[in-house]
Amino acid sequence: MSFPRDDKGELVRGTKRRPTLEDGVVVYANATILGGDVVIGRDSVVGSNVWLTKSIAPRSTIVIEKPRLVVREN
């Protein structure tokens, strides 16, 4: 992710670049949350290895479902 620049190529200062985590949010290992306008609502849980680039409503749980193992015998 590069820094925003104006028409003259100068860095734009004062731009929010980090997400907002409201009260009571739990973020597990290896989760990635990107974007200055992203808000993770209060009392939400972000599971391990989740990649987020959009806002999440309060009291949400975001996880990656594990694939199901299928065994076929010949």
N, C-alpha and C. Protein backbone atom coordinates (compact mmCIF):
# COMPACT_ATOMS: atom_id res chain seq x y z
N MET A 1 0.86 -1.17 0.00
CA MET A 1 0.00 0.00 0.00
C MET A 1 0.90 1.23 0.00
N SER A 2 0.71 2.11 -0.95
CA SER A 2 1.55 3.30 -1.02
C SER A 2 0.85 4.46 -0.32
N PHE A 3 1.62 5.49 -0.03
CA PHE A 3 1.09 6.68 0.62
C PHE A 3 0.37 7.54 -0.41
N PRO A 4 -0.78 8.13 -0.05
CA PRO A 4 -1.48 9.00 -1.00
C PRO A 4 -0.68 10.26 -1.30
N ARG A 5 -0.74 10.68 -2.56
CA ARG A 5 -0.02 11.88 -2.99
C ARG A 5 -0.98 12.84 -3.68
N ASP A 6 -0.66 14.14 -3.62
CA ASP A 6 -1.49 15.14 -4.29
C ASP A 6 -1.05 15.29 -5.75
N ASP A 7 -1.63 16.28 -6.45
CA ASP A 7 -1.34 16.48 -7.87
C ASP A 7 0.11 16.82 -8.14
N LYS A 8 0.81 17.38 -7.15
CA LYS A 8 2.21 17.77 -7.32
C LYS A 8 3.17 16.64 -6.93
N GLY A 9 2.62 15.50 -6.48
CA GLY A 9 3.46 14.38 -6.08
C GLY A 9 3.88 14.41 -4.63
N GLU A 10 3.37 15.40 -3.87
CA GLU A 10 3.72 15.51 -2.45
C GLU A 10 2.83 14.58 -1.63
N LEU A 11 3.39 14.05 -0.52
CA LEU A 11 2.61 13.19 0.35
C LEU A 11 1.46 13.97 0.99
N VAL A 12 0.28 13.35 1.04
CA VAL A 12 -0.88 13.96 1.68
C VAL A 12 -0.81 13.65 3.17
N ARG A 13 -0.77 14.67 3.99
CA ARG A 13 -0.69 14.50 5.44
C ARG A 13 -2.08 14.53 6.06
N GLY A 14 -2.22 13.92 7.21
CA GLY A 14 -3.48 13.98 7.95
C GLY A 14 -4.55 13.03 7.45
N THR A 15 -4.22 12.11 6.56
CA THR A 15 -5.19 11.13 6.07
C THR A 15 -5.17 9.91 6.97
N LYS A 16 -6.34 9.48 7.45
CA LYS A 16 -6.42 8.30 8.31
C LYS A 16 -6.12 7.07 7.47
N ARG A 17 -5.15 6.25 7.91
CA ARG A 17 -4.75 5.07 7.16
C ARG A 17 -4.92 3.78 7.95
N ARG A 18 -5.34 3.87 9.18
CA ARG A 18 -5.47 2.67 10.02
C ARG A 18 -6.94 2.40 10.32
N PRO A 19 -7.33 1.12 10.42
CA PRO A 19 -8.73 0.80 10.75
C PRO A 19 -9.06 1.17 12.19
N THR A 20 -10.35 1.30 12.48
CA THR A 20 -10.82 1.59 13.82
C THR A 20 -11.38 0.31 14.43
N LEU A 21 -10.87 -0.06 15.60
CA LEU A 21 -11.39 -1.20 16.34
C LEU A 21 -12.15 -0.65 17.54
N GLU A 22 -13.45 -0.87 17.57
CA GLU A 22 -14.26 -0.35 18.67
C GLU A 22 -14.05 -1.21 19.93
N ASP A 23 -14.66 -0.81 21.04
CA ASP A 23 -14.47 -1.48 22.33
C ASP A 23 -14.84 -2.96 22.27
N GLY A 24 -14.06 -3.79 22.94
CA GLY A 24 -14.36 -5.20 23.09
C GLY A 24 -14.07 -6.06 21.88
N VAL A 25 -13.36 -5.55 20.89
CA VAL A 25 -13.03 -6.33 19.69
C VAL A 25 -11.85 -7.25 19.99
N VAL A 26 -11.97 -8.51 19.55
CA VAL A 26 -10.89 -9.49 19.70
C VAL A 26 -10.40 -9.84 18.30
N VAL A 27 -9.08 -9.72 18.09
CA VAL A 27 -8.48 -10.07 16.80
C VAL A 27 -7.46 -11.18 17.04
N TYR A 28 -7.68 -12.33 16.41
CA TYR A 28 -6.78 -13.46 16.59
C TYR A 28 -5.57 -13.37 15.67
N ALA A 29 -4.58 -14.23 15.94
CA ALA A 29 -3.30 -14.22 15.25
C ALA A 29 -3.45 -14.31 13.73
N ASN A 30 -2.59 -13.59 13.04
CA ASN A 30 -2.48 -13.58 11.57
C ASN A 30 -3.68 -12.97 10.85
N ALA A 31 -4.59 -12.33 11.57
CA ALA A 31 -5.68 -11.61 10.90
C ALA A 31 -5.11 -10.32 10.31
N THR A 32 -5.61 -9.93 9.15
CA THR A 32 -5.17 -8.71 8.48
C THR A 32 -6.37 -7.81 8.27
N ILE A 33 -6.29 -6.58 8.78
CA ILE A 33 -7.37 -5.60 8.64
C ILE A 33 -6.76 -4.35 8.01
N LEU A 34 -7.21 -3.99 6.81
CA LEU A 34 -6.62 -2.88 6.07
C LEU A 34 -7.66 -1.80 5.76
N GLY A 35 -7.22 -0.55 5.76
CA GLY A 35 -8.04 0.56 5.31
C GLY A 35 -8.37 1.55 6.38
N GLY A 36 -8.20 2.83 6.07
CA GLY A 36 -8.47 3.90 7.03
C GLY A 36 -9.93 4.11 7.31
N ASP A 37 -10.82 3.71 6.38
CA ASP A 37 -12.25 3.91 6.59
C ASP A 37 -12.94 2.65 7.11
N VAL A 38 -12.17 1.61 7.43
CA VAL A 38 -12.72 0.35 7.95
C VAL A 38 -12.97 0.47 9.45
N VAL A 39 -14.17 0.05 9.89
CA VAL A 39 -14.53 0.07 11.30
C VAL A 39 -14.98 -1.34 11.69
N ILE A 40 -14.37 -1.89 12.72
CA ILE A 40 -14.79 -3.18 13.26
C ILE A 40 -15.65 -2.87 14.48
N GLY A 41 -16.93 -3.21 14.40
CA GLY A 41 -17.92 -2.85 15.42
C GLY A 41 -17.63 -3.49 16.77
N ARG A 42 -18.10 -2.84 17.81
CA ARG A 42 -17.85 -3.26 19.20
C ARG A 42 -18.27 -4.71 19.43
N ASP A 43 -17.51 -5.37 20.31
CA ASP A 43 -17.77 -6.75 20.72
C ASP A 43 -17.73 -7.76 19.58
N SER A 44 -17.00 -7.46 18.52
CA SER A 44 -16.84 -8.40 17.41
C SER A 44 -15.60 -9.26 17.61
N VAL A 45 -15.55 -10.38 16.89
CA VAL A 45 -14.40 -11.28 16.93
C VAL A 45 -13.94 -11.50 15.50
N VAL A 46 -12.65 -11.27 15.26
CA VAL A 46 -12.04 -11.51 13.95
C VAL A 46 -11.11 -12.71 14.12
N GLY A 47 -11.44 -13.79 13.43
CA GLY A 47 -10.70 -15.03 13.59
C GLY A 47 -9.32 -15.01 12.94
N SER A 48 -8.56 -16.04 13.24
CA SER A 48 -7.21 -16.20 12.73
C SER A 48 -7.21 -16.31 11.21
N ASN A 49 -6.23 -15.68 10.56
CA ASN A 49 -6.00 -15.72 9.11
C ASN A 49 -7.08 -15.04 8.27
N VAL A 50 -7.97 -14.27 8.88
CA VAL A 50 -8.99 -13.53 8.13
C VAL A 50 -8.35 -12.30 7.49
N TRP A 51 -8.78 -11.96 6.28
CA TRP A 51 -8.30 -10.78 5.55
C TRP A 51 -9.51 -9.87 5.35
N LEU A 52 -9.52 -8.68 5.98
CA LEU A 52 -10.65 -7.75 5.91
C LEU A 52 -10.26 -6.43 5.27
N THR A 53 -11.11 -5.96 4.37
CA THR A 53 -10.93 -4.63 3.78
C THR A 53 -12.23 -3.83 3.80
N LYS A 54 -13.22 -4.31 4.57
CA LYS A 54 -14.49 -3.58 4.69
C LYS A 54 -14.96 -3.59 6.13
N SER A 55 -15.85 -2.69 6.46
CA SER A 55 -16.35 -2.55 7.83
C SER A 55 -17.24 -3.73 8.22
N ILE A 56 -17.29 -3.98 9.54
CA ILE A 56 -18.06 -5.08 10.10
C ILE A 56 -19.00 -4.53 11.17
N ALA A 57 -20.24 -5.01 11.19
CA ALA A 57 -21.24 -4.55 12.15
C ALA A 57 -20.88 -5.00 13.57
N PRO A 58 -21.38 -4.29 14.58
CA PRO A 58 -21.14 -4.69 15.98
C PRO A 58 -21.62 -6.11 16.25
N ARG A 59 -20.96 -6.77 17.21
CA ARG A 59 -21.28 -8.12 17.66
C ARG A 59 -21.27 -9.16 16.54
N SER A 60 -20.32 -9.02 15.60
CA SER A 60 -20.15 -9.98 14.51
C SER A 60 -18.99 -10.91 14.80
N THR A 61 -19.03 -12.08 14.20
CA THR A 61 -17.92 -13.02 14.25
C THR A 61 -17.51 -13.32 12.82
N ILE A 62 -16.23 -13.11 12.52
CA ILE A 62 -15.71 -13.31 11.18
C ILE A 62 -14.65 -14.39 11.24
N VAL A 63 -14.91 -15.51 10.57
CA VAL A 63 -13.96 -16.62 10.58
C VAL A 63 -13.84 -17.20 9.18
N ILE A 64 -12.78 -17.95 8.96
CA ILE A 64 -12.64 -18.71 7.72
C ILE A 64 -13.08 -20.13 8.03
N GLU A 65 -14.08 -20.60 7.30
CA GLU A 65 -14.55 -21.96 7.49
C GLU A 65 -13.53 -22.93 6.94
N LYS A 66 -13.24 -23.97 7.70
CA LYS A 66 -12.29 -24.97 7.23
C LYS A 66 -12.94 -25.82 6.13
N PRO A 67 -12.15 -26.17 5.11
CA PRO A 67 -12.68 -27.06 4.08
C PRO A 67 -13.00 -28.43 4.69
N ARG A 68 -13.95 -29.08 4.13
CA ARG A 68 -14.36 -30.38 4.61
C ARG A 68 -13.55 -31.47 3.90
N LEU A 69 -13.05 -32.41 4.65
CA LEU A 69 -12.28 -33.51 4.09
C LEU A 69 -13.24 -34.54 3.52
N VAL A 70 -13.04 -34.87 2.25
CA VAL A 70 -13.87 -35.87 1.59
C VAL A 70 -12.98 -37.02 1.18
N VAL A 71 -13.33 -38.25 1.60
CA VAL A 71 -12.57 -39.44 1.25
C VAL A 71 -13.45 -40.32 0.38
N ARG A 72 -12.97 -40.62 -0.80
CA ARG A 72 -13.72 -41.49 -1.72
C ARG A 72 -12.93 -42.78 -1.89
N GLU A 73 -13.59 -43.87 -1.64
CA GLU A 73 -12.92 -45.15 -1.81
C GLU A 73 -13.30 -45.72 -3.17
N ASN A 74 -12.34 -46.38 -3.84
CA ASN A 74 -12.60 -46.97 -5.15
C ASN A 74 -13.20 -48.32 -5.03
